[in-house]
Protein backbone atom coordinates (compact mmCIF):
# COMPACT_ATOMS: atom_id res chain seq x y z
CA UNK A 1 31.89 -34.97 32.30
CA UNK A 2 34.75 -32.76 33.39
CA UNK A 3 37.40 -31.82 30.84
CA UNK A 4 40.95 -31.01 31.93
CA UNK A 5 41.76 -27.32 31.77
CA UNK A 6 38.21 -26.16 32.49
CA UNK A 7 37.21 -25.06 35.96
CA UNK A 8 33.84 -25.42 37.64
CA UNK A 9 31.21 -24.43 36.70
CA UNK A 10 32.69 -24.95 33.23
CA UNK A 11 32.59 -28.45 31.81
CA UNK A 12 32.38 -30.19 28.46
CA UNK A 13 29.79 -32.87 27.65
CA UNK A 14 31.34 -34.94 24.82
CA UNK A 15 28.17 -36.99 24.29
CA UNK A 16 26.23 -33.84 23.35
CA UNK A 17 29.26 -31.84 22.13
CA UNK A 18 28.28 -28.96 24.42
CA UNK A 19 30.38 -26.65 26.58
CA UNK A 20 28.60 -25.48 29.71
CA UNK A 21 29.86 -22.26 31.29
CA UNK A 22 27.77 -21.19 34.25
CA UNK A 23 24.21 -20.69 33.01
CA UNK A 24 25.25 -20.64 29.33
CA UNK A 25 25.60 -23.66 27.06
CA UNK A 26 27.63 -23.42 23.87
CA UNK A 27 27.82 -25.77 20.92
CA UNK A 28 31.34 -25.63 19.45
CA UNK A 29 31.62 -24.08 15.99
CA UNK A 30 34.63 -23.91 13.74
CA UNK A 31 35.44 -21.32 11.13
CA UNK A 32 38.00 -19.68 8.93
CA UNK A 33 38.65 -15.95 8.62
CA UNK A 34 39.74 -14.65 5.22
CA UNK A 35 41.51 -11.27 5.24
CA UNK A 36 40.45 -9.26 2.17
CA UNK A 37 42.19 -6.24 0.69
CA UNK A 38 38.94 -4.30 0.22
CA UNK A 39 35.14 -4.55 0.13
CA UNK A 40 35.12 -5.55 -3.53
CA UNK A 41 37.35 -8.56 -2.85
CA UNK A 42 35.24 -9.44 0.21
CA UNK A 43 32.11 -9.52 -1.94
CA UNK A 44 33.76 -11.63 -4.66
CA UNK A 45 35.07 -14.18 -2.15
CA UNK A 46 31.72 -14.28 -0.35
CA UNK A 47 29.86 -14.98 -3.59
CA UNK A 48 32.35 -17.67 -4.63
CA UNK A 49 32.18 -19.50 -1.30
CA UNK A 50 28.38 -19.14 -1.10
CA UNK A 51 28.12 -20.74 -4.57
CA UNK A 52 30.06 -23.70 -3.15
CA UNK A 53 27.29 -24.16 -0.57
CA UNK A 54 29.19 -22.92 2.49
CA UNK A 55 27.52 -21.21 5.45
CA UNK A 56 29.01 -17.72 5.77
CA UNK A 57 28.98 -14.68 8.05
CA UNK A 58 30.22 -11.32 6.79
CA UNK A 59 32.20 -9.12 9.19
CA UNK A 60 33.85 -5.72 8.87
CA UNK A 61 36.26 -4.36 11.46
C-alpha cells in the first residue's frame, strides 16, 4: 500500500508495519534520547531504566 509523502520505490505496508525503501525493509522503532551531564549520570540512568525492564542502547557522541 502506498503512503502519502513517500515516493516509489518507498512504500509503507500497514498490515505488516514495515517500510520498504528500495531493497531494504525497515520495521519502525520508537525511542527516547536522554541527554546526560557526564558518563557517571549516563550509567546511573541506564541502570535505573534497565531495572524497570526497558530495552536500552548506550550511545556516546
